[in-house]
Amino acid sequence: CCLSGFVDEKTASEIQSFFDSANTPIVTRAVKQVVETIQMRSKVLKRDSKAIEEYLSQY
């Protein structure tokens, strides 16, 4: 899905709010999966950002 590339909690919340208010039951499952993916990526980024930054600073 085109929305799954986002990685921050704010965007996940905005996407969820938009589709909740749009009353689109046909895409509810897909939206839920996208929001979960974004939230997971956000947590991984927060957890690993320091290590990634340290690694990349070597190059």
PDB file of N, CA and C in Angstrom:
ATOM      1  N   CYS A   1       0.843  -1.186   0.000  1.00  0.00           N
ATOM      2  CA  CYS A   1       0.000   0.000   0.000  1.00  0.00           C
ATOM      3  C   CYS A   1       0.887   1.247   0.000  1.00  0.00           C
ATOM      4  N   CYS A   2       0.421   2.280  -0.615  1.00  0.00           N
ATOM      5  CA  CYS A   2       1.214   3.505  -0.744  1.00  0.00           C
ATOM      6  C   CYS A   2       1.421   4.209   0.591  1.00  0.00           C
ATOM      7  N   LEU A   3       0.670   3.877   1.611  1.00  0.00           N
ATOM      8  CA  LEU A   3       0.801   4.536   2.907  1.00  0.00           C
ATOM      9  C   LEU A   3       1.789   3.851   3.833  1.00  0.00           C
ATOM     10  N   SER A   4       2.207   2.663   3.513  1.00  0.00           N
ATOM     11  CA  SER A   4       3.015   1.884   4.445  1.00  0.00           C
ATOM     12  C   SER A   4       4.466   2.334   4.553  1.00  0.00           C
ATOM     13  N   GLY A   5       4.890   3.292   3.755  1.00  0.00           N
ATOM     14  CA  GLY A   5       6.262   3.777   3.812  1.00  0.00           C
ATOM     15  C   GLY A   5       6.523   4.773   4.929  1.00  0.00           C
ATOM     16  N   PHE A   6       5.484   5.227   5.599  1.00  0.00           N
ATOM     17  CA  PHE A   6       5.654   6.188   6.682  1.00  0.00           C
ATOM     18  C   PHE A   6       6.185   5.492   7.925  1.00  0.00           C
ATOM     19  N   VAL A   7       6.858   6.267   8.796  1.00  0.00           N
ATOM     20  CA  VAL A   7       7.485   5.640   9.962  1.00  0.00           C
ATOM     21  C   VAL A   7       7.247   6.376  11.274  1.00  0.00           C
ATOM     22  N   ASP A   8       6.295   7.308  11.335  1.00  0.00           N
ATOM     23  CA  ASP A   8       6.119   8.004  12.604  1.00  0.00           C
ATOM     24  C   ASP A   8       4.700   7.833  13.141  1.00  0.00           C
ATOM     25  N   GLU A   9       4.593   7.876  14.455  1.00  0.00           N
ATOM     26  CA  GLU A   9       3.321   7.670  15.142  1.00  0.00           C
ATOM     27  C   GLU A   9       2.276   8.712  14.756  1.00  0.00           C
ATOM     28  N   LYS A  10       2.694   9.957  14.543  1.00  0.00           N
ATOM     29  CA  LYS A  10       1.747  11.016  14.184  1.00  0.00           C
ATOM     30  C   LYS A  10       1.048  10.682  12.871  1.00  0.00           C
ATOM     31  N   THR A  11       1.806  10.239  11.893  1.00  0.00           N
ATOM     32  CA  THR A  11       1.222   9.882  10.602  1.00  0.00           C
ATOM     33  C   THR A  11       0.287   8.691  10.751  1.00  0.00           C
ATOM     34  N   ALA A  12       0.675   7.711  11.536  1.00  0.00           N
ATOM     35  CA  ALA A  12      -0.190   6.550  11.770  1.00  0.00           C
ATOM     36  C   ALA A  12      -1.521   6.989  12.368  1.00  0.00           C
ATOM     37  N   SER A  13      -1.452   7.887  13.325  1.00  0.00           N
ATOM     38  CA  SER A  13      -2.664   8.399  13.958  1.00  0.00           C
ATOM     39  C   SER A  13      -3.530   9.178  12.971  1.00  0.00           C
ATOM     40  N   GLU A  14      -2.894   9.996  12.130  1.00  0.00           N
ATOM     41  CA  GLU A  14      -3.632  10.768  11.131  1.00  0.00           C
ATOM     42  C   GLU A  14      -4.319   9.852  10.117  1.00  0.00           C
ATOM     43  N   ILE A  15      -3.631   8.819   9.687  1.00  0.00           N
ATOM     44  CA  ILE A  15      -4.212   7.869   8.733  1.00  0.00           C
ATOM     45  C   ILE A  15      -5.401   7.161   9.374  1.00  0.00           C
ATOM     46  N   GLN A  16      -5.218   6.698  10.599  1.00  0.00           N
ATOM     47  CA  GLN A  16      -6.297   6.016  11.308  1.00  0.00           C
ATOM     48  C   GLN A  16      -7.499   6.935  11.470  1.00  0.00           C
ATOM     49  N   SER A  17      -7.279   8.172  11.877  1.00  0.00           N
ATOM     50  CA  SER A  17      -8.373   9.125  12.064  1.00  0.00           C
ATOM     51  C   SER A  17      -9.105   9.406  10.763  1.00  0.00           C
ATOM     52  N   PHE A  18      -8.360   9.577   9.689  1.00  0.00           N
ATOM     53  CA  PHE A  18      -8.982   9.853   8.396  1.00  0.00           C
ATOM     54  C   PHE A  18      -9.914   8.722   7.987  1.00  0.00           C
ATOM     55  N   PHE A  19      -9.417   7.498   8.051  1.00  0.00           N
ATOM     56  CA  PHE A  19     -10.239   6.381   7.599  1.00  0.00           C
ATOM     57  C   PHE A  19     -11.353   6.049   8.584  1.00  0.00           C
ATOM     58  N   ASP A  20     -11.161   6.332   9.873  1.00  0.00           N
ATOM     59  CA  ASP A  20     -12.250   6.149  10.837  1.00  0.00           C
ATOM     60  C   ASP A  20     -13.398   7.101  10.521  1.00  0.00           C
ATOM     61  N   SER A  21     -13.058   8.346  10.197  1.00  0.00           N
ATOM     62  CA  SER A  21     -14.091   9.344   9.909  1.00  0.00           C
ATOM     63  C   SER A  21     -14.673   9.195   8.516  1.00  0.00           C
ATOM     64  N   ALA A  22     -13.972   8.525   7.623  1.00  0.00           N
ATOM     65  CA  ALA A  22     -14.447   8.377   6.249  1.00  0.00           C
ATOM     66  C   ALA A  22     -15.467   7.242   6.120  1.00  0.00           C
ATOM     67  N   ASN A  23     -15.628   6.437   7.167  1.00  0.00           N
ATOM     68  CA  ASN A  23     -16.599   5.346   7.168  1.00  0.00           C
ATOM     69  C   ASN A  23     -16.428   4.448   5.946  1.00  0.00           C
ATOM     70  N   THR A  24     -15.265   3.858   5.852  1.00  0.00           N
ATOM     71  CA  THR A  24     -14.930   3.011   4.708  1.00  0.00           C
ATOM     72  C   THR A  24     -14.672   1.580   5.173  1.00  0.00           C
ATOM     73  N   PRO A  25     -15.726   0.840   5.484  1.00  0.00           N
ATOM     74  CA  PRO A  25     -15.531  -0.507   6.032  1.00  0.00           C
ATOM     75  C   PRO A  25     -14.823  -1.464   5.082  1.00  0.00           C
ATOM     76  N   ILE A  26     -14.886  -1.211   3.809  1.00  0.00           N
ATOM     77  CA  ILE A  26     -14.265  -2.119   2.845  1.00  0.00           C
ATOM     78  C   ILE A  26     -12.735  -2.117   2.946  1.00  0.00           C
ATOM     79  N   VAL A  27     -12.161  -1.039   3.445  1.00  0.00           N
ATOM     80  CA  VAL A  27     -10.701  -0.959   3.552  1.00  0.00           C
ATOM     81  C   VAL A  27     -10.209  -1.010   4.997  1.00  0.00           C
ATOM     82  N   THR A  28     -11.101  -1.288   5.926  1.00  0.00           N
ATOM     83  CA  THR A  28     -10.755  -1.267   7.344  1.00  0.00           C
ATOM     84  C   THR A  28      -9.578  -2.182   7.671  1.00  0.00           C
ATOM     85  N   ARG A  29      -9.592  -3.397   7.164  1.00  0.00           N
ATOM     86  CA  ARG A  29      -8.511  -4.345   7.469  1.00  0.00           C
ATOM     87  C   ARG A  29      -7.180  -3.855   6.915  1.00  0.00           C
ATOM     88  N   ALA A  30      -7.183  -3.374   5.685  1.00  0.00           N
ATOM     89  CA  ALA A  30      -5.944  -2.881   5.069  1.00  0.00           C
ATOM     90  C   ALA A  30      -5.400  -1.682   5.830  1.00  0.00           C
ATOM     91  N   VAL A  31      -6.285  -0.782   6.225  1.00  0.00           N
ATOM     92  CA  VAL A  31      -5.854   0.404   6.974  1.00  0.00           C
ATOM     93  C   VAL A  31      -5.268  -0.017   8.316  1.00  0.00           C
ATOM     94  N   LYS A  32      -5.905  -0.950   8.977  1.00  0.00           N
ATOM     95  CA  LYS A  32      -5.392  -1.429  10.265  1.00  0.00           C
ATOM     96  C   LYS A  32      -3.990  -2.011  10.099  1.00  0.00           C
ATOM     97  N   GLN A  33      -3.783  -2.784   9.052  1.00  0.00           N
ATOM     98  CA  GLN A  33      -2.469  -3.373   8.799  1.00  0.00           C
ATOM     99  C   GLN A  33      -1.427  -2.300   8.511  1.00  0.00           C
ATOM    100  N   VAL A  34      -1.799  -1.287   7.736  1.00  0.00           N
ATOM    101  CA  VAL A  34      -0.873  -0.200   7.417  1.00  0.00           C
ATOM    102  C   VAL A  34      -0.503   0.559   8.680  1.00  0.00           C
ATOM    103  N   VAL A  35      -1.499   0.881   9.505  1.00  0.00           N
ATOM    104  CA  VAL A  35      -1.235   1.611  10.746  1.00  0.00           C
ATOM    105  C   VAL A  35      -0.322   0.788  11.654  1.00  0.00           C
ATOM    106  N   GLU A  36      -0.565  -0.505  11.765  1.00  0.00           N
ATOM    107  CA  GLU A  36       0.298  -1.366  12.579  1.00  0.00           C
ATOM    108  C   GLU A  36       1.724  -1.396  12.038  1.00  0.00           C
ATOM    109  N   THR A  37       1.870  -1.438  10.725  1.00  0.00           N
ATOM    110  CA  THR A  37       3.201  -1.439  10.109  1.00  0.00           C
ATOM    111  C   THR A  37       3.935  -0.142  10.412  1.00  0.00           C
ATOM    112  N   ILE A  38       3.244   0.979  10.281  1.00  0.00           N
ATOM    113  CA  ILE A  38       3.859   2.280  10.566  1.00  0.00           C
ATOM    114  C   ILE A  38       4.277   2.351  12.028  1.00  0.00           C
ATOM    115  N   GLN A  39       3.409   1.921  12.925  1.00  0.00           N
ATOM    116  CA  GLN A  39       3.728   1.959  14.348  1.00  0.00           C
ATOM    117  C   GLN A  39       4.926   1.069  14.671  1.00  0.00           C
ATOM    118  N   MET A  40       4.992  -0.108  14.050  1.00  0.00           N
ATOM    119  CA  MET A  40       6.129  -1.005  14.268  1.00  0.00           C
ATOM    120  C   MET A  40       7.426  -0.350  13.789  1.00  0.00           C
ATOM    121  N   ARG A  41       7.395   0.232  12.595  1.00  0.00           N
ATOM    122  CA  ARG A  41       8.592   0.884  12.056  1.00  0.00           C
ATOM    123  C   ARG A  41       9.019   2.055  12.921  1.00  0.00           C
ATOM    124  N   SER A  42       8.055   2.794  13.454  1.00  0.00           N
ATOM    125  CA  SER A  42       8.369   3.912  14.331  1.00  0.00           C
ATOM    126  C   SER A  42       9.095   3.428  15.582  1.00  0.00           C
ATOM    127  N   LYS A  43       8.612   2.343  16.162  1.00  0.00           N
ATOM    128  CA  LYS A  43       9.242   1.798  17.366  1.00  0.00           C
ATOM    129  C   LYS A  43      10.651   1.289  17.079  1.00  0.00           C
ATOM    130  N   VAL A  44      10.825   0.622  15.950  1.00  0.00           N
ATOM    131  CA  VAL A  44      12.150   0.124  15.563  1.00  0.00           C
ATOM    132  C   VAL A  44      13.103   1.290  15.338  1.00  0.00           C
ATOM    133  N   LEU A  45      12.628   2.323  14.668  1.00  0.00           N
ATOM    134  CA  LEU A  45      13.461   3.493  14.408  1.00  0.00           C
ATOM    135  C   LEU A  45      13.881   4.166  15.708  1.00  0.00           C
ATOM    136  N   LYS A  46      12.937   4.323  16.641  1.00  0.00           N
ATOM    137  CA  LYS A  46      13.268   4.919  17.935  1.00  0.00           C
ATOM    138  C   LYS A  46      14.276   4.057  18.686  1.00  0.00           C
ATOM    139  N   ARG A  47      14.067   2.757  18.637  1.00  0.00           N
ATOM    140  CA  ARG A  47      14.938   1.831  19.359  1.00  0.00           C
ATOM    141  C   ARG A  47      16.348   1.801  18.785  1.00  0.00           C
ATOM    142  N   ASP A  48      16.460   1.821  17.464  1.00  0.00           N
ATOM    143  CA  ASP A  48      17.747   1.598  16.811  1.00  0.00           C
ATOM    144  C   ASP A  48      18.401   2.846  16.223  1.00  0.00           C
ATOM    145  N   SER A  49      17.780   3.998  16.359  1.00  0.00           N
ATOM    146  CA  SER A  49      18.300   5.189  15.674  1.00  0.00           C
ATOM    147  C   SER A  49      19.720   5.550  16.108  1.00  0.00           C
ATOM    148  N   LYS A  50      20.022   5.411  17.385  1.00  0.00           N
ATOM    149  CA  LYS A  50      21.371   5.751  17.851  1.00  0.00           C
ATOM    150  C   LYS A  50      22.410   4.805  17.243  1.00  0.00           C
ATOM    151  N   ALA A  51      22.120   3.530  17.237  1.00  0.00           N
ATOM    152  CA  ALA A  51      23.054   2.551  16.667  1.00  0.00           C
ATOM    153  C   ALA A  51      23.237   2.773  15.168  1.00  0.00           C
ATOM    154  N   ILE A  52      22.162   3.079  14.482  1.00  0.00           N
ATOM    155  CA  ILE A  52      22.244   3.345  13.040  1.00  0.00           C
ATOM    156  C   ILE A  52      23.073   4.594  12.779  1.00  0.00           C
ATOM    157  N   GLU A  53      22.830   5.625  13.566  1.00  0.00           N
ATOM    158  CA  GLU A  53      23.589   6.871  13.416  1.00  0.00           C
ATOM    159  C   GLU A  53      25.079   6.634  13.657  1.00  0.00           C
ATOM    160  N   GLU A  54      25.412   5.886  14.693  1.00  0.00           N
ATOM    161  CA  GLU A  54      26.813   5.589  14.986  1.00  0.00           C
ATOM    162  C   GLU A  54      27.458   4.794  13.855  1.00  0.00           C
ATOM    163  N   TYR A  55      26.742   3.825  13.341  1.00  0.00           N
ATOM    164  CA  TYR A  55      27.268   3.013  12.247  1.00  0.00           C
ATOM    165  C   TYR A  55      27.511   3.863  11.005  1.00  0.00           C
ATOM    166  N   LEU A  56      26.542   4.671  10.639  1.00  0.00           N
ATOM    167  CA  LEU A  56      26.661   5.479   9.423  1.00  0.00           C
ATOM    168  C   LEU A  56      27.696   6.591   9.551  1.00  0.00           C
ATOM    169  N   SER A  57      27.961   7.036  10.764  1.00  0.00           N
ATOM    170  CA  SER A  57      28.943   8.108  10.945  1.00  0.00           C
ATOM    171  C   SER A  57      30.365   7.635  10.636  1.00  0.00           C
ATOM    172  N   GLN A  58      30.563   6.334  10.573  1.00  0.00           N
ATOM    173  CA  GLN A  58      31.873   5.786  10.240  1.00  0.00           C
ATOM    174  C   GLN A  58      32.199   5.943   8.761  1.00  0.00           C
ATOM    175  N   TYR A  59      31.199   6.224   7.944  1.00  0.00           N
ATOM    176  CA  TYR A  59      31.404   6.267   6.499  1.00  0.00           C
ATOM    177  C   TYR A  59      31.216   7.627   5.966  1.00  0.00           C
TER     178      TYR A  59
END
